[in-house]
Protein backbone atom coordinates (compact mmCIF):
# COMPACT_ATOMS: atom_id res chain seq x y z
CA MET A 1 -47.21 -11.42 61.87
CA THR A 2 -46.76 -12.38 58.23
CA ARG A 3 -45.47 -10.02 55.56
CA ARG A 4 -48.95 -9.71 54.10
CA ASP A 5 -50.42 -8.83 57.50
CA ALA A 6 -47.68 -6.25 58.05
CA ALA A 7 -48.31 -4.73 54.63
CA ASP A 8 -52.06 -4.59 55.24
CA LEU A 9 -51.57 -2.96 58.64
CA ALA A 10 -49.12 -0.35 57.32
CA GLY A 11 -51.31 0.33 54.31
CA SER A 12 -54.44 0.77 56.42
CA ALA A 13 -52.68 3.09 58.86
CA GLY A 14 -51.24 5.10 56.00
CA ALA A 15 -54.61 5.40 54.27
CA GLY A 16 -56.21 6.60 57.50
CA ALA A 17 -53.50 9.22 57.95
CA TRP A 18 -53.91 10.37 54.32
CA ALA A 19 -57.67 10.74 54.83
CA ALA A 20 -57.15 12.81 57.98
CA PHE A 21 -54.52 14.89 56.16
CA ALA A 22 -56.95 15.62 53.35
CA VAL A 23 -59.54 16.87 55.85
CA VAL A 24 -57.02 19.15 57.58
CA ALA A 25 -55.76 20.41 54.21
CA VAL A 26 -59.27 21.34 53.10
CA VAL A 27 -60.28 22.92 56.41
CA ALA A 28 -57.02 24.74 57.17
CA GLY A 29 -55.43 25.23 53.77
CA GLY A 30 -58.60 26.31 52.03
CA ARG A 31 -59.40 29.11 54.44
CA GLY A 32 -58.33 32.68 53.90
CA THR A 33 -57.93 33.18 57.65
CA PRO A 34 -56.31 30.97 60.32
CA LEU A 35 -58.40 28.74 62.56
CA THR A 36 -59.16 29.77 66.13
CA VAL A 37 -56.76 27.16 67.52
CA ASP A 38 -54.01 28.54 65.28
CA GLU A 39 -54.52 32.10 66.49
CA ARG A 40 -54.70 31.11 70.16
CA LEU A 41 -51.53 29.04 70.11
CA LEU A 42 -49.62 31.73 68.23
CA SER A 43 -50.84 34.31 70.75
CA TRP A 44 -49.72 32.07 73.62
CA SER A 45 -46.26 31.63 72.11
CA LEU A 46 -45.85 35.40 71.69
CA GLY A 47 -46.46 35.87 75.40
CA HIS A 48 -44.06 33.10 76.52
CA ARG A 49 -40.72 33.73 74.86
CA PRO A 50 -37.89 34.11 77.36
CA LYS A 51 -34.49 34.29 75.68
CA VAL A 52 -33.33 30.91 76.95
CA ALA A 53 -36.47 29.12 75.72
CA VAL A 54 -36.21 30.77 72.30
CA ALA A 55 -32.54 29.76 71.99
CA LEU A 56 -33.37 26.16 72.92
CA ALA A 57 -36.27 26.10 70.47
CA ARG A 58 -34.06 27.41 67.68
CA GLY A 59 -31.45 24.76 68.41
CA LEU A 60 -34.03 21.99 68.45
CA THR A 61 -35.85 23.17 65.34
CA ALA A 62 -32.54 23.20 63.43
CA THR A 63 -32.25 19.41 63.92
CA GLY A 64 -35.45 18.91 61.92
CA THR A 65 -33.84 19.60 58.56
CA GLY A 66 -30.52 19.30 56.74
CA VAL A 67 -27.96 16.64 57.65
CA VAL A 68 -29.34 15.47 61.01
CA PRO A 69 -32.43 13.59 59.74
CA TYR A 70 -30.43 11.76 57.07
CA ALA A 71 -27.73 10.87 59.59
CA LEU A 72 -30.34 9.42 61.95
CA VAL A 73 -31.97 7.43 59.14
CA ALA A 74 -28.56 6.10 58.07
CA LEU A 75 -27.76 5.02 61.64
CA ALA A 76 -31.14 3.31 61.90
CA GLY A 77 -30.47 1.46 58.65
CA LEU A 78 -27.03 0.34 59.81
CA PHE A 79 -28.56 -0.88 63.05
CA LEU A 80 -31.39 -2.69 61.29
CA GLY A 81 -29.59 -5.07 58.96
CA PRO A 82 -27.75 -8.10 60.38
CA THR A 83 -25.77 -8.44 57.12
CA ALA A 84 -23.81 -5.88 55.14
CA ARG A 85 -26.17 -6.25 52.19
CA GLN A 86 -29.26 -5.71 54.32
CA ARG A 87 -27.68 -2.72 56.04
CA ALA A 88 -26.87 -1.09 52.70
CA VAL A 89 -30.40 -1.70 51.43
CA ALA A 90 -31.93 -0.40 54.66
CA VAL A 91 -29.88 2.81 54.52
CA ALA A 92 -30.69 3.37 50.85
CA LEU A 93 -34.42 2.71 51.27
CA GLY A 94 -34.64 4.88 54.38
CA ALA A 95 -32.92 7.78 52.64
CA ALA A 96 -35.12 7.32 49.57
CA CYS A 97 -38.28 7.29 51.70
CA LEU A 98 -37.21 10.50 53.41
CA ALA A 99 -36.07 12.31 50.26
CA ALA A 100 -39.15 11.34 48.23
CA GLY A 101 -41.41 12.34 51.12
CA GLN A 102 -39.77 15.74 51.28
CA ALA A 103 -40.19 16.21 47.53
CA VAL A 104 -43.86 15.27 47.54
CA ARG A 105 -44.47 17.45 50.58
CA THR A 106 -42.95 20.41 48.72
CA GLY A 107 -45.29 19.81 45.79
CA VAL A 108 -48.31 19.68 48.11
CA MET A 109 -47.15 22.86 49.83
CA GLU A 110 -46.91 24.70 46.51
CA LEU A 111 -50.34 23.43 45.49
CA ILE A 112 -52.07 24.58 48.69
CA ALA A 113 -50.04 27.80 49.01
CA ARG A 114 -51.13 28.69 52.54
CA PRO A 115 -49.53 31.89 53.90
CA ARG A 116 -47.41 31.73 57.03
CA PRO A 117 -48.18 33.64 60.22
CA PRO A 118 -47.33 37.38 60.14
CA GLY A 119 -43.59 38.03 59.73
CA PRO A 120 -43.25 40.29 62.81
CA ASP A 121 -44.22 37.30 64.99
CA TRP A 122 -41.35 35.13 63.77
CA ALA A 123 -38.52 34.25 66.13
CA THR A 124 -36.46 32.44 63.48
CA TYR A 125 -35.95 32.45 59.72
CA ALA A 126 -38.38 30.60 57.44
CA SER A 127 -39.16 30.48 53.73
CA GLY A 128 -41.84 29.14 51.43
CA TRP A 129 -45.49 28.45 52.04
CA SER A 130 -46.85 27.19 55.33
CA PHE A 131 -48.84 23.96 54.91
CA PRO A 132 -47.73 21.30 55.67
CA SER A 133 -44.71 22.18 57.79
CA GLY A 134 -41.45 20.94 56.25
CA HIS A 135 -39.47 20.62 59.48
CA THR A 136 -42.38 18.76 61.05
CA THR A 137 -42.76 16.35 58.14
CA THR A 138 -39.03 15.62 57.94
CA SER A 139 -38.56 15.05 61.68
CA ALA A 140 -41.72 12.92 61.96
CA LEU A 141 -40.66 10.74 59.02
CA THR A 142 -37.20 10.37 60.52
CA ALA A 143 -38.59 9.49 63.94
CA GLY A 144 -40.93 6.95 62.37
CA LEU A 145 -38.12 5.24 60.45
CA VAL A 146 -35.97 5.08 63.57
CA ILE A 147 -38.84 3.61 65.60
CA VAL A 148 -39.51 0.97 62.94
CA ALA A 149 -35.82 -0.03 62.96
CA VAL A 150 -35.77 -0.26 66.76
CA LEU A 151 -38.95 -2.33 66.90
CA LEU A 152 -37.73 -4.72 64.21
CA ARG A 153 -34.41 -5.36 65.95
CA ALA A 154 -36.03 -5.38 69.40
CA PRO A 155 -32.91 -4.48 71.44
CA ARG A 156 -32.85 -3.97 75.17
CA GLY A 157 -34.09 -0.49 76.03
CA ARG A 158 -36.23 -0.30 72.90
CA THR A 159 -39.08 1.44 74.75
CA ALA A 160 -36.81 4.29 75.82
CA LEU A 161 -35.34 4.58 72.33
CA CYS A 162 -38.78 4.72 70.71
CA LEU A 163 -39.98 7.32 73.21
CA ALA A 164 -36.88 9.44 72.63
CA ALA A 165 -37.33 9.34 68.85
CA GLY A 166 -41.05 10.07 69.09
CA CYS A 167 -40.61 12.95 71.53
CA TRP A 168 -37.90 14.49 69.36
CA GLY A 169 -40.10 14.33 66.26
CA ALA A 170 -43.06 15.86 68.10
CA ALA A 171 -40.95 18.55 69.75
CA VAL A 172 -39.45 19.74 66.47
CA GLY A 173 -42.94 20.28 65.12
CA LEU A 174 -44.07 22.18 68.21
CA THR A 175 -41.05 24.51 68.01
CA ARG A 176 -42.33 25.70 64.64
CA VAL A 177 -45.47 26.99 66.32
CA TYR A 178 -43.56 28.37 69.30
CA LEU A 179 -41.18 30.28 67.03
CA GLY A 180 -44.13 31.73 65.11
CA VAL A 181 -43.26 30.45 61.63
CA HIS A 182 -46.13 27.96 61.33
CA TRP A 183 -49.73 27.64 62.40
CA PHE A 184 -50.52 24.61 64.56
CA THR A 185 -52.59 23.06 61.77
CA ASP A 186 -49.49 23.23 59.54
CA VAL A 187 -47.73 21.06 62.11
CA LEU A 188 -50.70 18.72 62.42
CA GLY A 189 -50.71 18.40 58.65
CA GLY A 190 -47.00 17.58 58.69
CA TRP A 191 -47.51 14.80 61.24
CA LEU A 192 -50.38 13.29 59.25
CA PHE A 193 -48.51 13.58 55.95
CA ALA A 194 -45.49 11.82 57.46
CA ALA A 195 -47.67 9.03 58.88
CA GLY A 196 -49.37 8.51 55.53
CA TRP A 197 -46.14 8.50 53.58
CA LEU A 198 -44.39 6.17 56.02
CA GLY A 199 -47.34 3.77 55.97
CA MET A 200 -47.25 3.67 52.17
CA CYS A 201 -43.48 3.05 52.11
CA LEU A 202 -43.66 0.29 54.72
CA CYS A 203 -46.56 -1.34 52.90
CA GLY A 204 -44.56 -1.37 49.67
CA ALA A 205 -41.44 -2.73 51.37
CA ALA A 206 -43.37 -5.52 53.09
CA ARG A 207 -45.13 -6.51 49.87
CA TRP A 208 -42.40 -6.30 47.25
CA LEU A 209 -38.93 -6.48 48.79
CA PRO A 210 -37.27 -9.89 48.27
CA GLU A 211 -37.12 -12.02 51.42
CA GLY A 212 -33.33 -11.94 51.53
CA LEU A 213 -33.28 -8.15 51.87
CA LEU A 214 -35.62 -8.06 54.86
CA PRO A 215 -34.18 -8.38 58.39
CA ALA A 216 -35.70 -10.99 60.65
CA ARG A 217 -37.57 -9.28 63.46
CA GLY A 218 -36.13 -9.75 66.89
CA ARG A 219 -32.56 -10.59 65.94
CA PRO A 220 -30.09 -8.91 68.28
CA ALA A 221 -27.86 -6.10 67.14
CA PRO A 222 -24.18 -6.92 66.50
CA GLY A 223 -22.47 -7.77 69.79
CA GLU A 224 -25.76 -8.26 71.67
CA SER A 225 -26.94 -11.65 72.90
CA PRO A 226 -30.52 -12.64 72.15
CA ALA A 227 -33.13 -12.24 74.85
CA ALA A 228 -34.01 -15.40 76.74
CA ASP A 229 -37.62 -15.36 75.61
CA ASP A 230 -36.85 -14.83 71.90
CA PRO A 231 -37.66 -17.91 69.82
CA PRO A 232 -34.97 -19.19 67.46
CA GLY A 233 -34.93 -17.43 64.10
CA GLY A 234 -36.49 -14.19 65.34
CA LEU A 235 -40.08 -13.13 65.80
CA GLY A 236 -40.55 -12.20 62.18
CA ARG A 237 -40.26 -15.72 60.78
CA SER A 238 -43.23 -18.02 60.53
CA PRO A 239 -42.69 -21.54 61.87
CA SER A 240 -42.33 -24.32 59.34
CA VAL A 241 -45.51 -26.26 58.69
């Protein structure tokens, strides 16, 4: 896949996610009352809160904000670049993508100003408006950046790593509903916002980053031998014509 093809794919995926986000924002954020699915899932969570499950949910939801997402993005960036320069650029761009996404998400949240579920139903502390969910957006963006890094480097065990990152990002969002601090459509909005923002960032990186700052897809991580079926130069380089 050429850089232009990658940019077009990321841009198209991002635009689709933005369109879906806009629909959810209008339907969910513009209503004065929660949707039926929101009420039913909140009601279910209220009836299924043993102490151990609540403690686990609180621990997991705490990883969706603060230092943990930035640490994961930094590790992904260090893993991605085969040279020190590329690693530094990858870490900086990953952190910038995450920080800018959080800032824009906050602006959207203030603009929509959707109230959270009733306070007595909360099983953890929360602040601010409800849509889109901040923990969900941050963890989904982080998971997406980690998955991109893993797929580009294509190490052994990449399927398991991608599944682990994806499941973590999804689980953080679901804990927000389980703990009663967000409606489900807040979480859905967070996932869609993260997909749209990540698609836009990847499209921009593929289009405008200089060639020397981009890692070649398929190169092994430091200390790892290349797979037998990997062509010389990595999968990301086009053959000479």
